[in-house]
Amino acid sequence: MAKHIEEEANELQARIGEHQKFLNQFETKRYLYGRHANDLKAHSQEVIDLYQQAITANRDMADMVRGTGH
């Protein structure tokens, strides 16, 4: 079970990488997105933050399942 939870955390980490690429594109190519660039940046950052929270929760849960809690 702990392995499955860790794998889920790793998948979320990969998704963070994808959203960071989007965020970088919104920042470097603002002219393509016009007024929506700030909204897209904010949304991407919010998704990154939520994924990061989920990763932390998954890793804590995996530790708890293993019996090694913090």
N, C-alpha and C. Protein backbone atom coordinates (compact mmCIF):
# COMPACT_ATOMS: atom_id res chain seq x y z
N MET A 1 0.82 -1.19 0.00
CA MET A 1 0.00 0.00 0.00
C MET A 1 0.87 1.26 0.00
N ALA A 2 1.91 1.26 0.82
CA ALA A 2 2.78 2.43 0.88
C ALA A 2 3.43 2.70 -0.47
N LYS A 3 3.79 1.62 -1.17
CA LYS A 3 4.42 1.78 -2.49
C LYS A 3 3.45 2.46 -3.46
N HIS A 4 2.19 2.05 -3.42
CA HIS A 4 1.18 2.66 -4.29
C HIS A 4 1.03 4.15 -3.98
N ILE A 5 1.01 4.48 -2.71
CA ILE A 5 0.87 5.89 -2.31
C ILE A 5 2.08 6.69 -2.78
N GLU A 6 3.28 6.12 -2.67
CA GLU A 6 4.49 6.80 -3.15
C GLU A 6 4.45 6.99 -4.66
N GLU A 7 3.97 5.98 -5.39
CA GLU A 7 3.86 6.09 -6.84
C GLU A 7 2.91 7.22 -7.22
N GLU A 8 1.83 7.34 -6.48
CA GLU A 8 0.88 8.43 -6.73
C GLU A 8 1.55 9.78 -6.51
N ALA A 9 2.34 9.89 -5.46
CA ALA A 9 3.07 11.13 -5.19
C ALA A 9 4.04 11.44 -6.33
N ASN A 10 4.69 10.42 -6.86
CA ASN A 10 5.62 10.62 -7.97
C ASN A 10 4.90 11.08 -9.23
N GLU A 11 3.70 10.54 -9.48
CA GLU A 11 2.90 11.00 -10.62
C GLU A 11 2.51 12.46 -10.45
N LEU A 12 2.15 12.83 -9.25
CA LEU A 12 1.80 14.23 -8.99
C LEU A 12 3.00 15.14 -9.21
N GLN A 13 4.19 14.67 -8.84
CA GLN A 13 5.40 15.45 -9.06
C GLN A 13 5.62 15.69 -10.55
N ALA A 14 5.35 14.68 -11.37
CA ALA A 14 5.48 14.84 -12.82
C ALA A 14 4.48 15.87 -13.34
N ARG A 15 3.28 15.86 -12.80
CA ARG A 15 2.27 16.84 -13.21
C ARG A 15 2.69 18.25 -12.82
N ILE A 16 3.35 18.38 -11.69
CA ILE A 16 3.85 19.69 -11.29
C ILE A 16 4.83 20.19 -12.35
N GLY A 17 5.69 19.31 -12.82
CA GLY A 17 6.64 19.70 -13.87
C GLY A 17 5.93 20.21 -15.11
N GLU A 18 4.84 19.55 -15.50
CA GLU A 18 4.08 19.99 -16.66
C GLU A 18 3.49 21.38 -16.43
N HIS A 19 2.93 21.60 -15.26
CA HIS A 19 2.31 22.89 -14.97
C HIS A 19 3.37 23.99 -14.82
N GLN A 20 4.56 23.64 -14.38
CA GLN A 20 5.63 24.63 -14.31
C GLN A 20 6.04 25.05 -15.71
N LYS A 21 6.00 24.12 -16.66
CA LYS A 21 6.28 24.47 -18.06
C LYS A 21 5.22 25.44 -18.58
N PHE A 22 3.95 25.15 -18.26
CA PHE A 22 2.88 26.06 -18.67
C PHE A 22 3.09 27.44 -18.06
N LEU A 23 3.40 27.47 -16.77
CA LEU A 23 3.62 28.72 -16.07
C LEU A 23 4.74 29.51 -16.72
N ASN A 24 5.82 28.84 -17.04
CA ASN A 24 6.95 29.50 -17.70
C ASN A 24 6.54 30.05 -19.06
N GLN A 25 5.75 29.29 -19.80
CA GLN A 25 5.29 29.76 -21.10
C GLN A 25 4.40 30.99 -20.95
N PHE A 26 3.51 30.97 -19.97
CA PHE A 26 2.63 32.12 -19.75
C PHE A 26 3.44 33.36 -19.39
N GLU A 27 4.56 33.17 -18.67
CA GLU A 27 5.39 34.30 -18.27
C GLU A 27 6.24 34.81 -19.43
N THR A 28 6.81 33.90 -20.21
CA THR A 28 7.74 34.32 -21.26
C THR A 28 7.05 34.72 -22.55
N LYS A 29 5.83 34.25 -22.77
CA LYS A 29 5.12 34.56 -24.01
C LYS A 29 3.77 35.20 -23.72
N ARG A 30 3.81 36.19 -22.85
CA ARG A 30 2.59 36.88 -22.45
C ARG A 30 1.82 37.42 -23.65
N TYR A 31 2.55 37.85 -24.66
CA TYR A 31 1.93 38.46 -25.83
C TYR A 31 0.98 37.48 -26.54
N LEU A 32 1.17 36.19 -26.38
CA LEU A 32 0.29 35.21 -27.01
C LEU A 32 -1.05 35.08 -26.28
N TYR A 33 -1.05 35.42 -25.00
CA TYR A 33 -2.23 35.18 -24.17
C TYR A 33 -2.97 36.45 -23.79
N GLY A 34 -2.40 37.58 -24.12
CA GLY A 34 -3.06 38.85 -23.86
C GLY A 34 -3.40 39.05 -22.39
N ARG A 35 -4.61 39.56 -22.15
CA ARG A 35 -5.03 39.85 -20.78
C ARG A 35 -5.20 38.59 -19.95
N HIS A 36 -5.34 37.47 -20.61
CA HIS A 36 -5.58 36.22 -19.89
C HIS A 36 -4.31 35.63 -19.29
N ALA A 37 -3.17 36.18 -19.64
CA ALA A 37 -1.90 35.64 -19.15
C ALA A 37 -1.85 35.59 -17.63
N ASN A 38 -2.27 36.67 -16.98
CA ASN A 38 -2.23 36.69 -15.52
C ASN A 38 -3.17 35.66 -14.90
N ASP A 39 -4.36 35.50 -15.50
CA ASP A 39 -5.29 34.49 -14.99
C ASP A 39 -4.73 33.09 -15.17
N LEU A 40 -4.12 32.84 -16.32
CA LEU A 40 -3.54 31.52 -16.59
C LEU A 40 -2.37 31.24 -15.66
N LYS A 41 -1.56 32.26 -15.42
CA LYS A 41 -0.43 32.11 -14.48
C LYS A 41 -0.94 31.79 -13.09
N ALA A 42 -1.95 32.53 -12.64
CA ALA A 42 -2.49 32.32 -11.30
C ALA A 42 -3.09 30.92 -11.17
N HIS A 43 -3.79 30.49 -12.20
CA HIS A 43 -4.40 29.16 -12.17
C HIS A 43 -3.31 28.08 -12.11
N SER A 44 -2.30 28.21 -12.95
CA SER A 44 -1.21 27.22 -12.95
C SER A 44 -0.51 27.17 -11.61
N GLN A 45 -0.27 28.32 -11.01
CA GLN A 45 0.40 28.34 -9.71
C GLN A 45 -0.48 27.70 -8.64
N GLU A 46 -1.78 27.94 -8.72
CA GLU A 46 -2.70 27.33 -7.75
C GLU A 46 -2.70 25.81 -7.89
N VAL A 47 -2.70 25.32 -9.12
CA VAL A 47 -2.66 23.87 -9.36
C VAL A 47 -1.36 23.29 -8.82
N ILE A 48 -0.25 23.97 -9.06
CA ILE A 48 1.05 23.51 -8.55
C ILE A 48 1.01 23.42 -7.03
N ASP A 49 0.48 24.44 -6.39
CA ASP A 49 0.40 24.45 -4.92
C ASP A 49 -0.47 23.30 -4.40
N LEU A 50 -1.60 23.05 -5.07
CA LEU A 50 -2.48 21.95 -4.65
C LEU A 50 -1.80 20.60 -4.83
N TYR A 51 -1.12 20.42 -5.95
CA TYR A 51 -0.39 19.16 -6.16
C TYR A 51 0.70 18.99 -5.11
N GLN A 52 1.38 20.08 -4.76
CA GLN A 52 2.43 19.99 -3.75
C GLN A 52 1.86 19.57 -2.40
N GLN A 53 0.70 20.11 -2.05
CA GLN A 53 0.04 19.70 -0.81
C GLN A 53 -0.33 18.22 -0.85
N ALA A 54 -0.82 17.77 -2.00
CA ALA A 54 -1.20 16.36 -2.15
C ALA A 54 0.02 15.45 -2.05
N ILE A 55 1.13 15.88 -2.61
CA ILE A 55 2.37 15.10 -2.52
C ILE A 55 2.79 14.95 -1.06
N THR A 56 2.77 16.05 -0.34
CA THR A 56 3.15 16.01 1.08
C THR A 56 2.22 15.07 1.85
N ALA A 57 0.92 15.18 1.59
CA ALA A 57 -0.04 14.32 2.28
C ALA A 57 0.19 12.85 1.93
N ASN A 58 0.44 12.56 0.65
CA ASN A 58 0.68 11.17 0.23
C ASN A 58 1.93 10.61 0.87
N ARG A 59 2.99 11.40 0.91
CA ARG A 59 4.23 10.89 1.49
C ARG A 59 4.09 10.69 3.00
N ASP A 60 3.37 11.59 3.65
CA ASP A 60 3.11 11.41 5.08
C ASP A 60 2.28 10.15 5.32
N MET A 61 1.29 9.92 4.46
CA MET A 61 0.46 8.74 4.59
C MET A 61 1.28 7.47 4.35
N ALA A 62 2.16 7.50 3.36
CA ALA A 62 3.02 6.34 3.09
C ALA A 62 3.90 6.04 4.30
N ASP A 63 4.45 7.08 4.92
CA ASP A 63 5.26 6.89 6.13
C ASP A 63 4.43 6.29 7.25
N MET A 64 3.20 6.76 7.38
CA MET A 64 2.32 6.25 8.43
C MET A 64 2.01 4.77 8.19
N VAL A 65 1.74 4.41 6.93
CA VAL A 65 1.44 3.02 6.59
C VAL A 65 2.64 2.13 6.89
N ARG A 66 3.82 2.65 6.62
CA ARG A 66 5.04 1.89 6.91
C ARG A 66 5.33 1.82 8.40
N GLY A 67 4.71 2.72 9.16
CA GLY A 67 4.94 2.75 10.60
C GLY A 67 6.13 3.59 11.00
N THR A 68 6.55 4.48 10.09
CA THR A 68 7.72 5.32 10.38
C THR A 68 7.34 6.77 10.58
N GLY A 69 6.07 7.08 10.80
CA GLY A 69 5.59 8.45 10.92
C GLY A 69 6.63 9.47 11.33
N HIS A 70 6.33 10.72 11.14
CA HIS A 70 7.28 11.82 11.44
C HIS A 70 7.40 12.00 12.91
